[in-house]
Structure formats: C-alpha cells, structure tokens
Amino acid sequence: MSAFNGKWKRISATNVDEFVKASGFDGEKATKLKAFLTTVENLEELMVTDVGINRKVYINGQLTRELNTNFNEPQEKETLLGKSTIIGKKISDNRLEYTETGSGRPDGFSVITIEGDKLILDYTIGDVTCRRTYQKQ
C-alpha cells in the first residue's frame, strides 16, 4: 500500500466531456466538475492504509479539499459530485478499487493503480470512464 502514498501531480485527464454528461449534472455543477477534471498541474497527496484513505487536493498551491475515508465505517461527505459515500474496497500492493454512491447521481466505481512513477485513476459512471494520470513528486 505504501506505493500509493505521497504527492502526485496530475499530468492528464481523458474522456472528461462524456464523463461529465454521464454524471447527470448540468449548469454550474457540470462546469465546476469539468474544470476540476481538466486542470493539469493539480497536486494530490494520498495516504492509504488498511482502513482508509486520506486525500488532500491542492489547486494553484492552495489546499482546496481534504477527504478522509474510513473503509470500515461508510460515511457521507460532500464532493464535487455532491454528497457521496465510499462503500466496499479491494486493495493490493498497487491496486485499489472502491464504489462511491451518492444521492441524485449514478453510482461510480474507481480503480487506482500504480504503474512505476505514475498513478492512474479510472473513475467509471455507467459505461463511461474518465482516466486521470498523475506523476509522483
């Protein structure tokens, strides 16, 4: 699990337009989601343990979001996709999978893999996947 831990700079995002449509959002919420997903140079700091994830998101050097997820106690939290709850997880040395449910939007399935010095996050809603790639800092 230590392969996940550290600071990661986003270097690319693919299939963002289709993913935003699949999220079911429009207007201002869709605009914010698209802006967040397409902004490269975002920095994320992860700490993954057997029981959860601590994720800090920095935009333009400013801490904008901190998400703490306990896999053993699903909890509702506010995200760009609205209120969501992380449920279930499967974790190995270089792969983490979990499902995110939320009110007013489709459920999402995330797979985070480590490939060398890259972290790849595939987030799927329905049959649409948005891939974000990060470089270890």
N, C-alpha and C. Protein backbone atom coordinates (compact mmCIF):
# COMPACT_ATOMS: atom_id res chain seq x y z
N MET A 1 0.81 -1.21 0.00
CA MET A 1 0.00 0.00 0.00
C MET A 1 0.84 1.26 0.00
N SER A 2 2.07 1.17 0.44
CA SER A 2 2.89 2.36 0.51
C SER A 2 3.15 2.97 -0.87
N ALA A 3 2.97 2.18 -1.94
CA ALA A 3 3.17 2.71 -3.30
C ALA A 3 2.21 3.86 -3.60
N PHE A 4 1.05 3.88 -2.95
CA PHE A 4 0.06 4.95 -3.18
C PHE A 4 0.44 6.25 -2.48
N ASN A 5 1.19 6.13 -1.40
CA ASN A 5 1.40 7.27 -0.51
C ASN A 5 2.39 8.26 -1.09
N GLY A 6 2.06 9.54 -0.95
CA GLY A 6 2.93 10.60 -1.41
C GLY A 6 2.17 11.67 -2.14
N LYS A 7 2.93 12.54 -2.80
CA LYS A 7 2.34 13.64 -3.57
C LYS A 7 2.38 13.28 -5.04
N TRP A 8 1.26 13.58 -5.73
CA TRP A 8 1.08 13.23 -7.13
C TRP A 8 0.59 14.46 -7.89
N LYS A 9 1.23 14.77 -9.02
CA LYS A 9 0.82 15.89 -9.85
C LYS A 9 0.07 15.36 -11.07
N ARG A 10 -1.14 15.90 -11.29
CA ARG A 10 -1.93 15.45 -12.43
C ARG A 10 -1.27 15.91 -13.72
N ILE A 11 -1.10 14.98 -14.66
CA ILE A 11 -0.48 15.32 -15.94
C ILE A 11 -1.45 15.16 -17.11
N SER A 12 -2.55 14.44 -16.91
CA SER A 12 -3.53 14.33 -18.00
C SER A 12 -4.87 13.83 -17.46
N ALA A 13 -5.91 14.10 -18.27
CA ALA A 13 -7.25 13.58 -18.00
C ALA A 13 -7.91 13.31 -19.35
N THR A 14 -8.56 12.17 -19.47
CA THR A 14 -9.20 11.81 -20.74
C THR A 14 -10.67 11.51 -20.54
N ASN A 15 -11.44 11.71 -21.60
CA ASN A 15 -12.87 11.40 -21.66
C ASN A 15 -13.70 12.22 -20.68
N VAL A 16 -13.26 13.44 -20.43
CA VAL A 16 -13.90 14.28 -19.44
C VAL A 16 -15.31 14.70 -19.86
N ASP A 17 -15.51 15.14 -21.11
CA ASP A 17 -16.83 15.60 -21.54
C ASP A 17 -17.89 14.51 -21.38
N GLU A 18 -17.58 13.31 -21.83
CA GLU A 18 -18.54 12.20 -21.72
C GLU A 18 -18.80 11.84 -20.26
N PHE A 19 -17.75 11.90 -19.44
CA PHE A 19 -17.89 11.59 -18.02
C PHE A 19 -18.81 12.60 -17.33
N VAL A 20 -18.62 13.88 -17.63
CA VAL A 20 -19.47 14.92 -17.03
C VAL A 20 -20.93 14.70 -17.43
N LYS A 21 -21.17 14.37 -18.69
CA LYS A 21 -22.54 14.06 -19.14
C LYS A 21 -23.10 12.87 -18.38
N ALA A 22 -22.30 11.82 -18.21
CA ALA A 22 -22.75 10.61 -17.52
C ALA A 22 -23.06 10.88 -16.05
N SER A 23 -22.41 11.90 -15.47
CA SER A 23 -22.65 12.23 -14.06
C SER A 23 -24.07 12.76 -13.84
N GLY A 24 -24.69 13.22 -14.94
CA GLY A 24 -26.06 13.73 -14.84
C GLY A 24 -26.14 15.19 -14.45
N PHE A 25 -25.01 15.85 -14.28
CA PHE A 25 -25.02 17.25 -13.90
C PHE A 25 -25.02 18.15 -15.12
N ASP A 26 -25.58 19.35 -14.92
CA ASP A 26 -25.51 20.37 -15.96
C ASP A 26 -25.29 21.70 -15.27
N GLY A 27 -25.22 22.73 -16.03
CA GLY A 27 -25.07 24.07 -15.47
C GLY A 27 -23.78 24.25 -14.70
N GLU A 28 -23.86 24.99 -13.61
CA GLU A 28 -22.69 25.37 -12.83
C GLU A 28 -21.95 24.16 -12.26
N LYS A 29 -22.69 23.16 -11.79
CA LYS A 29 -22.05 21.98 -11.21
C LYS A 29 -21.23 21.23 -12.27
N ALA A 30 -21.78 21.10 -13.48
CA ALA A 30 -21.05 20.45 -14.57
C ALA A 30 -19.82 21.25 -14.94
N THR A 31 -19.93 22.56 -14.96
CA THR A 31 -18.79 23.42 -15.29
C THR A 31 -17.68 23.27 -14.27
N LYS A 32 -18.02 23.25 -12.98
CA LYS A 32 -17.02 23.08 -11.93
C LYS A 32 -16.35 21.71 -12.02
N LEU A 33 -17.15 20.68 -12.26
CA LEU A 33 -16.59 19.32 -12.37
C LEU A 33 -15.63 19.24 -13.55
N LYS A 34 -16.04 19.78 -14.69
CA LYS A 34 -15.18 19.74 -15.88
C LYS A 34 -13.89 20.52 -15.63
N ALA A 35 -13.99 21.67 -15.02
CA ALA A 35 -12.79 22.48 -14.74
C ALA A 35 -11.84 21.72 -13.82
N PHE A 36 -12.38 21.07 -12.80
CA PHE A 36 -11.54 20.32 -11.87
C PHE A 36 -10.86 19.15 -12.58
N LEU A 37 -11.60 18.44 -13.41
CA LEU A 37 -11.05 17.25 -14.07
C LEU A 37 -10.04 17.58 -15.15
N THR A 38 -10.16 18.75 -15.77
CA THR A 38 -9.27 19.08 -16.88
C THR A 38 -8.06 19.92 -16.47
N THR A 39 -8.05 20.40 -15.25
CA THR A 39 -6.92 21.22 -14.80
C THR A 39 -5.73 20.32 -14.50
N VAL A 40 -4.70 20.43 -15.35
CA VAL A 40 -3.48 19.71 -15.03
C VAL A 40 -2.69 20.56 -14.06
N GLU A 41 -1.69 20.01 -13.51
CA GLU A 41 -0.86 20.68 -12.51
C GLU A 41 -1.51 20.66 -11.13
N ASN A 42 -2.73 20.07 -10.99
CA ASN A 42 -3.27 19.88 -9.65
C ASN A 42 -2.36 18.90 -8.92
N LEU A 43 -2.22 19.09 -7.63
CA LEU A 43 -1.40 18.22 -6.81
C LEU A 43 -2.31 17.52 -5.81
N GLU A 44 -2.15 16.21 -5.69
CA GLU A 44 -2.92 15.46 -4.71
C GLU A 44 -1.95 14.71 -3.82
N GLU A 45 -2.27 14.67 -2.55
CA GLU A 45 -1.46 13.94 -1.59
C GLU A 45 -2.32 12.80 -1.04
N LEU A 46 -1.81 11.58 -1.14
CA LEU A 46 -2.56 10.41 -0.68
C LEU A 46 -1.83 9.72 0.46
N MET A 47 -2.62 9.19 1.39
CA MET A 47 -2.12 8.29 2.42
C MET A 47 -3.15 7.16 2.49
N VAL A 48 -2.74 5.96 2.04
CA VAL A 48 -3.64 4.81 2.01
C VAL A 48 -3.19 3.81 3.06
N THR A 49 -4.15 3.36 3.87
CA THR A 49 -3.88 2.33 4.87
C THR A 49 -4.90 1.21 4.71
N ASP A 50 -4.81 0.20 5.54
CA ASP A 50 -5.78 -0.90 5.50
C ASP A 50 -7.20 -0.42 5.77
N VAL A 51 -7.34 0.66 6.52
CA VAL A 51 -8.67 1.10 6.94
C VAL A 51 -9.21 2.30 6.20
N GLY A 52 -8.40 2.98 5.38
CA GLY A 52 -8.96 4.14 4.70
C GLY A 52 -7.97 4.91 3.86
N ILE A 53 -8.46 6.04 3.34
CA ILE A 53 -7.68 6.94 2.50
C ILE A 53 -7.79 8.34 3.06
N ASN A 54 -6.67 9.03 3.15
CA ASN A 54 -6.66 10.47 3.40
C ASN A 54 -6.18 11.09 2.11
N ARG A 55 -6.98 11.98 1.54
CA ARG A 55 -6.67 12.59 0.24
C ARG A 55 -6.76 14.11 0.39
N LYS A 56 -5.68 14.79 0.04
CA LYS A 56 -5.65 16.25 0.05
C LYS A 56 -5.48 16.71 -1.39
N VAL A 57 -6.28 17.69 -1.80
CA VAL A 57 -6.23 18.21 -3.16
C VAL A 57 -5.78 19.67 -3.09
N TYR A 58 -4.73 19.98 -3.87
CA TYR A 58 -4.19 21.34 -3.94
C TYR A 58 -4.39 21.88 -5.35
N ILE A 59 -4.95 23.06 -5.46
CA ILE A 59 -5.09 23.74 -6.75
C ILE A 59 -4.37 25.07 -6.63
N ASN A 60 -3.45 25.31 -7.56
CA ASN A 60 -2.61 26.52 -7.53
C ASN A 60 -1.93 26.69 -6.17
N GLY A 61 -1.47 25.57 -5.60
CA GLY A 61 -0.74 25.60 -4.35
C GLY A 61 -1.60 25.73 -3.11
N GLN A 62 -2.91 25.88 -3.27
CA GLN A 62 -3.81 26.06 -2.14
C GLN A 62 -4.53 24.74 -1.83
N LEU A 63 -4.56 24.37 -0.55
CA LEU A 63 -5.33 23.20 -0.14
C LEU A 63 -6.81 23.51 -0.33
N THR A 64 -7.48 22.80 -1.25
CA THR A 64 -8.88 23.08 -1.54
C THR A 64 -9.83 22.03 -0.98
N ARG A 65 -9.31 20.84 -0.71
CA ARG A 65 -10.21 19.77 -0.27
C ARG A 65 -9.40 18.73 0.48
N GLU A 66 -9.96 18.24 1.57
CA GLU A 66 -9.37 17.11 2.27
C GLU A 66 -10.47 16.10 2.53
N LEU A 67 -10.26 14.90 2.03
CA LEU A 67 -11.24 13.83 2.17
C LEU A 67 -10.63 12.70 2.98
N ASN A 68 -11.29 12.31 4.04
CA ASN A 68 -10.86 11.18 4.85
C ASN A 68 -11.92 10.10 4.74
N THR A 69 -11.54 8.95 4.26
CA THR A 69 -12.48 7.85 4.06
C THR A 69 -12.06 6.68 4.92
N ASN A 70 -12.99 6.20 5.74
CA ASN A 70 -12.76 5.01 6.55
C ASN A 70 -13.53 3.88 5.89
N PHE A 71 -12.82 2.86 5.38
CA PHE A 71 -13.48 1.76 4.68
C PHE A 71 -14.42 0.96 5.57
N ASN A 72 -14.15 0.94 6.87
CA ASN A 72 -14.95 0.13 7.78
C ASN A 72 -16.22 0.83 8.25
N GLU A 73 -16.30 2.13 8.09
CA GLU A 73 -17.45 2.90 8.53
C GLU A 73 -17.86 3.86 7.42
N PRO A 74 -18.67 3.39 6.46
CA PRO A 74 -19.08 4.29 5.37
C PRO A 74 -19.66 5.58 5.94
N GLN A 75 -19.22 6.71 5.39
CA GLN A 75 -19.69 7.99 5.87
C GLN A 75 -19.98 8.89 4.69
N GLU A 76 -20.99 9.71 4.85
CA GLU A 76 -21.36 10.64 3.78
C GLU A 76 -20.45 11.85 3.84
N LYS A 77 -20.00 12.32 2.68
CA LYS A 77 -19.17 13.51 2.61
C LYS A 77 -19.57 14.31 1.39
N GLU A 78 -19.25 15.58 1.38
CA GLU A 78 -19.57 16.47 0.27
C GLU A 78 -18.40 16.49 -0.70
N THR A 79 -18.65 16.22 -1.99
CA THR A 79 -17.63 16.25 -3.02
C THR A 79 -18.16 17.10 -4.18
N LEU A 80 -17.36 17.24 -5.23
CA LEU A 80 -17.83 17.95 -6.42
C LEU A 80 -19.04 17.26 -7.04
N LEU A 81 -19.16 15.96 -6.82
CA LEU A 81 -20.30 15.21 -7.35
C LEU A 81 -21.48 15.22 -6.39
N GLY A 82 -21.41 16.02 -5.34
CA GLY A 82 -22.49 16.07 -4.37
C GLY A 82 -22.17 15.19 -3.18
N LYS A 83 -23.19 14.89 -2.38
CA LYS A 83 -22.98 14.03 -1.23
C LYS A 83 -22.67 12.62 -1.72
N SER A 84 -21.63 12.03 -1.16
CA SER A 84 -21.27 10.69 -1.59
C SER A 84 -20.77 9.87 -0.41
N THR A 85 -20.86 8.56 -0.57
CA THR A 85 -20.39 7.61 0.43
C THR A 85 -19.54 6.56 -0.28
N ILE A 86 -18.36 6.31 0.25
CA ILE A 86 -17.49 5.26 -0.27
C ILE A 86 -17.90 3.95 0.40
N ILE A 87 -18.17 2.94 -0.42
CA ILE A 87 -18.52 1.64 0.14
C ILE A 87 -17.66 0.57 -0.51
N GLY A 88 -17.29 -0.40 0.27
CA GLY A 88 -16.53 -1.53 -0.26
C GLY A 88 -15.16 -1.11 -0.74
N LYS A 89 -14.24 -2.02 -0.68
CA LYS A 89 -12.91 -1.76 -1.21
C LYS A 89 -12.20 -3.08 -1.40
N LYS A 90 -11.30 -3.06 -2.34
CA LYS A 90 -10.41 -4.19 -2.59
C LYS A 90 -9.05 -3.56 -2.81
N ILE A 91 -8.08 -3.99 -2.05
CA ILE A 91 -6.78 -3.33 -2.11
C ILE A 91 -5.67 -4.37 -2.19
N SER A 92 -4.66 -4.06 -2.98
CA SER A 92 -3.44 -4.86 -3.05
C SER A 92 -2.27 -3.88 -3.08
N ASP A 93 -1.09 -4.38 -3.33
CA ASP A 93 0.10 -3.52 -3.29
C ASP A 93 0.04 -2.36 -4.27
N ASN A 94 -0.55 -2.56 -5.45
CA ASN A 94 -0.55 -1.48 -6.44
C ASN A 94 -1.91 -1.25 -7.08
N ARG A 95 -2.99 -1.69 -6.43
CA ARG A 95 -4.33 -1.53 -6.99
C ARG A 95 -5.35 -1.35 -5.86
N LEU A 96 -6.20 -0.34 -6.01
CA LEU A 96 -7.26 -0.06 -5.05
C LEU A 96 -8.55 0.13 -5.83
N GLU A 97 -9.60 -0.56 -5.41
CA GLU A 97 -10.91 -0.45 -6.05
C GLU A 97 -11.95 -0.10 -4.99
N TYR A 98 -12.89 0.78 -5.34
CA TYR A 98 -13.99 1.08 -4.42
C TYR A 98 -15.17 1.65 -5.19
N THR A 99 -16.33 1.61 -4.56
CA THR A 99 -17.56 2.14 -5.15
C THR A 99 -17.98 3.38 -4.36
N GLU A 100 -18.46 4.38 -5.08
CA GLU A 100 -18.92 5.63 -4.47
C GLU A 100 -20.39 5.81 -4.83
N THR A 101 -21.23 5.90 -3.82
CA THR A 101 -22.66 6.12 -4.05
C THR A 101 -23.00 7.54 -3.66
N GLY A 102 -24.08 8.06 -4.25
CA GLY A 102 -24.48 9.42 -3.92
C GLY A 102 -25.92 9.67 -4.26
N SER A 103 -26.51 10.63 -3.57
CA SER A 103 -27.89 10.99 -3.85
C SER A 103 -27.94 11.88 -5.08
N GLY A 104 -28.86 11.61 -5.96
CA GLY A 104 -29.07 12.46 -7.12
C GLY A 104 -28.09 12.25 -8.25
N ARG A 105 -27.34 11.17 -8.22
CA ARG A 105 -26.41 10.88 -9.31
C ARG A 105 -26.17 9.37 -9.37
N PRO A 106 -25.67 8.89 -10.50
CA PRO A 106 -25.37 7.46 -10.60
C PRO A 106 -24.19 7.07 -9.72
N ASP A 107 -24.15 5.80 -9.31
CA ASP A 107 -23.00 5.29 -8.56
C ASP A 107 -21.77 5.29 -9.45
N GLY A 108 -20.61 5.43 -8.83
CA GLY A 108 -19.35 5.41 -9.56
C GLY A 108 -18.45 4.31 -9.01
N PHE A 109 -17.58 3.81 -9.87
CA PHE A 109 -16.62 2.78 -9.49
C PHE A 109 -15.23 3.29 -9.81
N SER A 110 -14.33 3.28 -8.83
CA SER A 110 -12.98 3.78 -9.02
C SER A 110 -11.95 2.67 -8.91
N VAL A 111 -10.96 2.74 -9.79
CA VAL A 111 -9.81 1.86 -9.73
C VAL A 111 -8.57 2.76 -9.79
N ILE A 112 -7.73 2.64 -8.78
CA ILE A 112 -6.48 3.39 -8.74
C ILE A 112 -5.35 2.38 -8.84
N THR A 113 -4.48 2.56 -9.82
CA THR A 113 -3.34 1.65 -9.98
C THR A 113 -2.05 2.46 -10.02
N ILE A 114 -0.99 1.80 -9.59
CA ILE A 114 0.34 2.38 -9.65
C ILE A 114 1.10 1.65 -10.74
N GLU A 115 1.65 2.42 -11.67
CA GLU A 115 2.49 1.87 -12.74
C GLU A 115 3.79 2.66 -12.76
N GLY A 116 4.80 2.12 -12.11
CA GLY A 116 6.08 2.82 -11.99
C GLY A 116 5.91 4.09 -11.17
N ASP A 117 6.24 5.24 -11.76
CA ASP A 117 6.10 6.51 -11.05
C ASP A 117 4.80 7.23 -11.43
N LYS A 118 3.84 6.49 -11.96
CA LYS A 118 2.53 7.04 -12.36
C LYS A 118 1.42 6.43 -11.50
N LEU A 119 0.46 7.27 -11.16
CA LEU A 119 -0.76 6.83 -10.51
C LEU A 119 -1.88 7.05 -11.53
N ILE A 120 -2.66 6.02 -11.80
CA ILE A 120 -3.74 6.11 -12.78
C ILE A 120 -5.05 5.88 -12.05
N LEU A 121 -5.95 6.86 -12.16
CA LEU A 121 -7.25 6.78 -11.52
C LEU A 121 -8.31 6.69 -12.62
N ASP A 122 -8.97 5.54 -12.69
CA ASP A 122 -10.09 5.35 -13.62
C ASP A 122 -11.37 5.43 -12.81
N TYR A 123 -12.23 6.39 -13.13
CA TYR A 123 -13.50 6.56 -12.43
C TYR A 123 -14.60 6.35 -13.45
N THR A 124 -15.46 5.37 -13.19
CA THR A 124 -16.49 4.96 -14.14
C THR A 124 -17.87 5.23 -13.58
N ILE A 125 -18.70 5.86 -14.40
CA ILE A 125 -20.13 6.02 -14.13
C ILE A 125 -20.84 5.39 -15.31
N GLY A 126 -21.66 4.39 -15.04
CA GLY A 126 -22.33 3.66 -16.13
C GLY A 126 -21.27 2.99 -16.99
N ASP A 127 -21.27 3.29 -18.28
CA ASP A 127 -20.27 2.70 -19.17
C ASP A 127 -19.24 3.73 -19.63
N VAL A 128 -19.14 4.86 -18.90
CA VAL A 128 -18.20 5.93 -19.25
C VAL A 128 -17.11 6.02 -18.20
N THR A 129 -15.86 6.00 -18.65
CA THR A 129 -14.71 6.08 -17.75
C THR A 129 -13.88 7.33 -18.05
N CYS A 130 -13.57 8.06 -17.00
CA CYS A 130 -12.64 9.19 -17.07
C CYS A 130 -11.34 8.71 -16.45
N ARG A 131 -10.24 8.89 -17.17
CA ARG A 131 -8.93 8.49 -16.66
C ARG A 131 -8.11 9.73 -16.35
N ARG A 132 -7.60 9.78 -15.12
CA ARG A 132 -6.67 10.82 -14.72
C ARG A 132 -5.32 10.17 -14.42
N THR A 133 -4.27 10.76 -14.95
CA THR A 133 -2.93 10.23 -14.75
C THR A 133 -2.10 11.24 -13.97
N TYR A 134 -1.38 10.75 -12.98
CA TYR A 134 -0.58 11.58 -12.10
C TYR A 134 0.88 11.10 -12.13
N GLN A 135 1.81 12.04 -11.92
CA GLN A 135 3.24 11.76 -11.83
C GLN A 135 3.66 11.92 -10.38
N LYS A 136 4.43 10.94 -9.86
CA LYS A 136 4.92 11.03 -8.49
C LYS A 136 5.85 12.23 -8.34
N GLN A 137 5.70 12.97 -7.27
CA GLN A 137 6.53 14.15 -7.00
C GLN A 137 7.60 13.82 -5.98
